[in-house]
């Protein structure tokens, strides 16, 4: 290695040694981007939460199970409806009884 290459070596490091440093997403490798996408997808499509899992494990009778199912299906339905309902943009026209305002 020549003198200039050894001098350049420390400055070519892609990540500084700062604790908690995360490169901007444009500086991530393709593998890191794929990994991140998979993690986000898993988070969004996880079929249950740890809290739900604990409650289900605590169910001992059929009544407990039924109450659990009702409670969690209601929560899930509300979340799904909230997620699917289109939100009008902030600058959208307001529809009144007489016409557009």
N, C-alpha and C. Protein backbone atom coordinates (compact mmCIF):
# COMPACT_ATOMS: atom_id res chain seq x y z
N UNK A 1 0.84 -1.19 0.00
CA UNK A 1 0.00 0.00 0.00
C UNK A 1 0.88 1.25 0.00
N UNK A 2 0.50 2.20 -0.76
CA UNK A 2 1.29 3.43 -0.82
C UNK A 2 0.89 4.36 0.32
N UNK A 3 1.66 5.40 0.49
CA UNK A 3 1.41 6.37 1.56
C UNK A 3 0.04 7.02 1.41
N UNK A 4 -0.34 7.40 0.20
CA UNK A 4 -1.62 8.10 0.00
C UNK A 4 -2.80 7.20 0.31
N UNK A 5 -2.69 5.89 -0.02
CA UNK A 5 -3.79 4.98 0.27
C UNK A 5 -3.99 4.81 1.77
N UNK A 6 -2.91 4.71 2.53
CA UNK A 6 -3.04 4.55 3.97
C UNK A 6 -3.59 5.82 4.62
N UNK A 7 -3.27 6.97 4.05
CA UNK A 7 -3.81 8.21 4.59
C UNK A 7 -5.31 8.32 4.32
N UNK A 8 -5.74 7.83 3.16
CA UNK A 8 -7.15 7.94 2.79
C UNK A 8 -8.03 6.91 3.51
N UNK A 9 -7.42 5.83 3.96
CA UNK A 9 -8.19 4.73 4.52
C UNK A 9 -9.17 5.15 5.64
N UNK A 10 -8.74 5.89 6.68
CA UNK A 10 -9.69 6.24 7.75
C UNK A 10 -10.84 7.12 7.26
N UNK A 11 -10.58 8.00 6.31
CA UNK A 11 -11.63 8.90 5.86
C UNK A 11 -12.64 8.19 4.95
N UNK A 12 -12.28 7.00 4.44
CA UNK A 12 -13.18 6.27 3.56
C UNK A 12 -14.19 5.42 4.33
N UNK A 13 -14.09 5.42 5.64
CA UNK A 13 -15.04 4.63 6.43
C UNK A 13 -16.45 5.17 6.19
N UNK A 14 -17.39 4.25 5.95
CA UNK A 14 -18.74 4.69 5.62
C UNK A 14 -19.53 5.09 6.87
N UNK A 15 -19.20 4.50 8.03
CA UNK A 15 -19.96 4.82 9.24
C UNK A 15 -19.03 5.38 10.31
N UNK A 16 -19.31 6.57 10.79
CA UNK A 16 -18.49 7.10 11.89
C UNK A 16 -18.75 6.30 13.17
N UNK A 17 -17.80 6.30 14.08
CA UNK A 17 -17.97 5.52 15.30
C UNK A 17 -18.72 6.34 16.35
N UNK A 18 -19.93 6.72 16.02
CA UNK A 18 -20.78 7.47 16.94
C UNK A 18 -21.86 6.52 17.43
N UNK A 19 -22.04 6.39 18.75
CA UNK A 19 -23.07 5.46 19.23
C UNK A 19 -24.46 5.91 18.78
N UNK A 20 -25.25 4.95 18.34
CA UNK A 20 -26.60 5.26 17.89
C UNK A 20 -26.67 5.83 16.50
N UNK A 21 -25.57 5.80 15.77
CA UNK A 21 -25.56 6.36 14.41
C UNK A 21 -26.28 5.43 13.46
N UNK A 22 -27.20 5.98 12.66
CA UNK A 22 -27.84 5.22 11.60
C UNK A 22 -27.71 6.00 10.31
N UNK A 23 -27.21 5.39 9.27
CA UNK A 23 -27.08 6.13 8.01
C UNK A 23 -28.44 6.49 7.46
N UNK A 24 -28.50 7.56 6.73
CA UNK A 24 -29.74 7.93 6.06
C UNK A 24 -30.14 6.80 5.13
N UNK A 25 -31.45 6.64 4.87
CA UNK A 25 -31.89 5.48 4.09
C UNK A 25 -31.28 5.44 2.69
N UNK A 26 -30.89 6.59 2.16
CA UNK A 26 -30.26 6.58 0.84
C UNK A 26 -28.85 6.01 0.88
N UNK A 27 -28.25 5.92 2.09
CA UNK A 27 -26.90 5.39 2.22
C UNK A 27 -26.88 3.93 2.66
N UNK A 28 -28.05 3.32 2.79
CA UNK A 28 -28.09 1.91 3.19
C UNK A 28 -27.82 1.02 1.99
N UNK A 29 -27.29 -0.15 2.28
CA UNK A 29 -27.04 -1.11 1.21
C UNK A 29 -28.38 -1.71 0.79
N UNK A 30 -28.38 -2.40 -0.34
CA UNK A 30 -29.62 -3.00 -0.82
C UNK A 30 -30.11 -4.06 0.16
N UNK A 31 -29.18 -4.84 0.72
CA UNK A 31 -29.56 -5.87 1.69
C UNK A 31 -30.21 -5.23 2.92
N UNK A 32 -29.66 -4.10 3.38
CA UNK A 32 -30.24 -3.42 4.54
C UNK A 32 -31.63 -2.90 4.21
N UNK A 33 -31.81 -2.39 2.99
CA UNK A 33 -33.13 -1.89 2.60
C UNK A 33 -34.15 -3.02 2.56
N UNK A 34 -33.74 -4.18 2.01
CA UNK A 34 -34.65 -5.33 1.96
C UNK A 34 -35.01 -5.80 3.37
N UNK A 35 -34.01 -5.82 4.24
CA UNK A 35 -34.23 -6.25 5.62
C UNK A 35 -35.22 -5.32 6.31
N UNK A 36 -35.04 -4.02 6.10
CA UNK A 36 -35.93 -3.03 6.70
C UNK A 36 -37.35 -3.20 6.18
N UNK A 37 -37.49 -3.39 4.87
CA UNK A 37 -38.82 -3.57 4.27
C UNK A 37 -39.51 -4.80 4.85
N UNK A 38 -38.77 -5.89 4.99
CA UNK A 38 -39.34 -7.11 5.55
C UNK A 38 -39.78 -6.90 7.00
N UNK A 39 -38.97 -6.17 7.77
CA UNK A 39 -39.31 -5.92 9.18
C UNK A 39 -40.59 -5.09 9.28
N UNK A 40 -40.71 -4.07 8.44
CA UNK A 40 -41.90 -3.22 8.46
C UNK A 40 -43.12 -4.02 8.03
N UNK A 41 -42.97 -4.85 7.01
CA UNK A 41 -44.09 -5.67 6.53
C UNK A 41 -44.54 -6.62 7.63
N UNK A 42 -43.60 -7.22 8.34
CA UNK A 42 -43.96 -8.13 9.43
C UNK A 42 -44.70 -7.38 10.53
N UNK A 43 -44.23 -6.17 10.84
CA UNK A 43 -44.86 -5.38 11.89
C UNK A 43 -46.31 -5.07 11.52
N UNK A 44 -46.54 -4.73 10.24
CA UNK A 44 -47.88 -4.35 9.81
C UNK A 44 -48.82 -5.53 9.71
N UNK A 45 -48.32 -6.70 9.35
CA UNK A 45 -49.20 -7.84 9.10
C UNK A 45 -49.16 -8.85 10.23
N UNK A 46 -48.55 -8.50 11.37
CA UNK A 46 -48.50 -9.44 12.48
C UNK A 46 -49.92 -9.82 12.88
N UNK A 47 -50.23 -11.11 12.93
CA UNK A 47 -51.61 -11.52 13.19
C UNK A 47 -52.09 -11.23 14.61
N UNK A 48 -51.18 -11.06 15.54
CA UNK A 48 -51.59 -10.73 16.90
C UNK A 48 -50.49 -9.95 17.60
N UNK A 49 -50.88 -9.33 18.70
CA UNK A 49 -49.93 -8.55 19.50
C UNK A 49 -49.53 -9.37 20.72
N UNK A 50 -48.42 -9.04 21.36
CA UNK A 50 -48.03 -9.76 22.58
C UNK A 50 -49.10 -9.66 23.67
N UNK A 51 -49.73 -8.49 23.77
CA UNK A 51 -50.79 -8.31 24.77
C UNK A 51 -51.94 -9.27 24.51
N UNK A 52 -52.33 -9.36 23.25
CA UNK A 52 -53.41 -10.26 22.86
C UNK A 52 -53.03 -11.71 23.17
N UNK A 53 -51.78 -12.04 22.92
CA UNK A 53 -51.28 -13.39 23.17
C UNK A 53 -51.38 -13.72 24.66
N UNK A 54 -50.99 -12.77 25.52
CA UNK A 54 -51.07 -12.98 26.97
C UNK A 54 -52.51 -13.20 27.40
N UNK A 55 -53.40 -12.35 26.89
CA UNK A 55 -54.81 -12.48 27.27
C UNK A 55 -55.39 -13.81 26.83
N UNK A 56 -55.02 -14.24 25.64
CA UNK A 56 -55.53 -15.51 25.12
C UNK A 56 -55.03 -16.67 25.97
N UNK A 57 -53.77 -16.60 26.39
CA UNK A 57 -53.20 -17.65 27.23
C UNK A 57 -53.90 -17.69 28.59
N UNK A 58 -54.40 -16.54 29.05
CA UNK A 58 -55.06 -16.47 30.36
C UNK A 58 -56.50 -16.99 30.32
N UNK A 59 -57.06 -17.18 29.14
CA UNK A 59 -58.44 -17.67 29.02
C UNK A 59 -58.51 -19.13 29.46
N UNK A 60 -59.43 -19.43 30.39
CA UNK A 60 -59.55 -20.81 30.87
C UNK A 60 -60.91 -21.42 30.53
N UNK A 61 -61.95 -20.60 30.48
CA UNK A 61 -63.28 -21.15 30.18
C UNK A 61 -63.75 -20.68 28.81
N UNK A 62 -64.85 -21.27 28.37
CA UNK A 62 -65.44 -20.90 27.08
C UNK A 62 -65.94 -19.45 27.13
N UNK A 63 -66.45 -19.04 28.30
CA UNK A 63 -66.94 -17.65 28.44
C UNK A 63 -65.78 -16.65 28.31
N UNK A 64 -64.65 -16.99 28.93
CA UNK A 64 -63.46 -16.13 28.81
C UNK A 64 -63.05 -16.00 27.35
N UNK A 65 -63.06 -17.13 26.67
CA UNK A 65 -62.65 -17.16 25.27
C UNK A 65 -63.59 -16.32 24.41
N UNK A 66 -64.89 -16.43 24.70
CA UNK A 66 -65.88 -15.67 23.93
C UNK A 66 -65.72 -14.17 24.17
N UNK A 67 -65.52 -13.79 25.43
CA UNK A 67 -65.33 -12.38 25.76
C UNK A 67 -64.07 -11.84 25.08
N UNK A 68 -63.02 -12.65 25.11
CA UNK A 68 -61.76 -12.26 24.46
C UNK A 68 -61.97 -12.05 22.96
N UNK A 69 -62.66 -12.99 22.33
CA UNK A 69 -62.89 -12.90 20.88
C UNK A 69 -63.70 -11.66 20.54
N UNK A 70 -64.75 -11.40 21.32
CA UNK A 70 -65.58 -10.21 21.07
C UNK A 70 -64.77 -8.93 21.22
N UNK A 71 -64.01 -8.86 22.31
CA UNK A 71 -63.24 -7.65 22.59
C UNK A 71 -62.21 -7.39 21.49
N UNK A 72 -61.46 -8.42 21.13
CA UNK A 72 -60.39 -8.22 20.15
C UNK A 72 -60.91 -8.07 18.74
N UNK A 73 -62.03 -8.72 18.40
CA UNK A 73 -62.56 -8.56 17.04
C UNK A 73 -63.10 -7.15 16.88
N UNK A 74 -63.71 -6.61 17.95
CA UNK A 74 -64.20 -5.22 17.90
C UNK A 74 -63.04 -4.26 17.68
N UNK A 75 -61.97 -4.46 18.44
CA UNK A 75 -60.79 -3.61 18.30
C UNK A 75 -60.24 -3.70 16.89
N UNK A 76 -60.12 -4.93 16.40
CA UNK A 76 -59.55 -5.14 15.08
C UNK A 76 -60.43 -4.49 14.01
N UNK A 77 -61.74 -4.65 14.13
CA UNK A 77 -62.66 -4.07 13.14
C UNK A 77 -62.54 -2.55 13.14
N UNK A 78 -62.46 -1.95 14.33
CA UNK A 78 -62.35 -0.49 14.43
C UNK A 78 -61.05 -0.01 13.78
N UNK A 79 -59.97 -0.72 14.04
CA UNK A 79 -58.68 -0.34 13.47
C UNK A 79 -58.72 -0.47 11.96
N UNK A 80 -59.29 -1.58 11.48
CA UNK A 80 -59.36 -1.80 10.03
C UNK A 80 -60.20 -0.73 9.35
N UNK A 81 -61.33 -0.38 9.96
CA UNK A 81 -62.20 0.64 9.36
C UNK A 81 -61.48 1.98 9.33
N UNK A 82 -60.77 2.29 10.41
CA UNK A 82 -60.04 3.55 10.47
C UNK A 82 -58.96 3.58 9.40
N UNK A 83 -58.33 2.42 9.19
CA UNK A 83 -57.25 2.35 8.22
C UNK A 83 -57.78 2.47 6.80
N UNK A 84 -58.97 1.92 6.54
CA UNK A 84 -59.48 1.88 5.16
C UNK A 84 -60.22 3.15 4.76
N UNK A 85 -60.73 3.89 5.75
CA UNK A 85 -61.52 5.07 5.42
C UNK A 85 -60.63 6.14 4.80
N UNK A 86 -60.95 6.60 3.59
CA UNK A 86 -60.09 7.62 2.99
C UNK A 86 -60.25 8.95 3.71
N UNK A 87 -59.16 9.59 3.95
CA UNK A 87 -59.18 10.89 4.62
C UNK A 87 -59.13 11.98 3.56
N UNK A 88 -60.05 12.95 3.62
CA UNK A 88 -59.98 14.04 2.64
C UNK A 88 -58.76 14.92 2.93
N UNK A 89 -58.14 15.46 1.91
CA UNK A 89 -57.00 16.34 2.16
C UNK A 89 -57.43 17.59 2.93
N UNK A 90 -56.50 18.20 3.63
CA UNK A 90 -56.83 19.36 4.47
C UNK A 90 -57.42 20.51 3.67
N UNK A 91 -56.98 20.68 2.43
CA UNK A 91 -57.45 21.82 1.65
C UNK A 91 -58.64 21.45 0.77
N UNK A 92 -59.30 20.33 1.07
CA UNK A 92 -60.45 19.91 0.26
C UNK A 92 -61.64 20.82 0.53
N UNK A 93 -62.49 20.98 -0.47
CA UNK A 93 -63.68 21.81 -0.31
C UNK A 93 -64.66 21.12 0.64
N UNK A 94 -65.36 21.91 1.43
CA UNK A 94 -66.32 21.36 2.38
C UNK A 94 -67.69 21.34 1.73
N UNK A 95 -68.36 20.21 1.82
CA UNK A 95 -69.67 20.07 1.19
C UNK A 95 -70.74 20.49 2.19
N UNK A 96 -71.52 21.47 1.86
CA UNK A 96 -72.61 21.90 2.74
C UNK A 96 -73.93 21.50 2.08
N UNK A 97 -75.04 21.80 2.74
CA UNK A 97 -76.34 21.44 2.18
C UNK A 97 -76.67 22.20 0.91
N UNK A 98 -76.19 23.43 0.79
CA UNK A 98 -76.58 24.26 -0.35
C UNK A 98 -75.61 24.16 -1.52
N UNK A 99 -74.39 23.82 -1.28
CA UNK A 99 -73.43 23.75 -2.37
C UNK A 99 -72.01 23.69 -1.85
N UNK A 100 -71.06 23.96 -2.70
CA UNK A 100 -69.66 23.90 -2.29
C UNK A 100 -69.23 25.21 -1.64
N UNK A 101 -68.50 25.11 -0.58
CA UNK A 101 -68.01 26.30 0.11
C UNK A 101 -66.50 26.36 -0.03
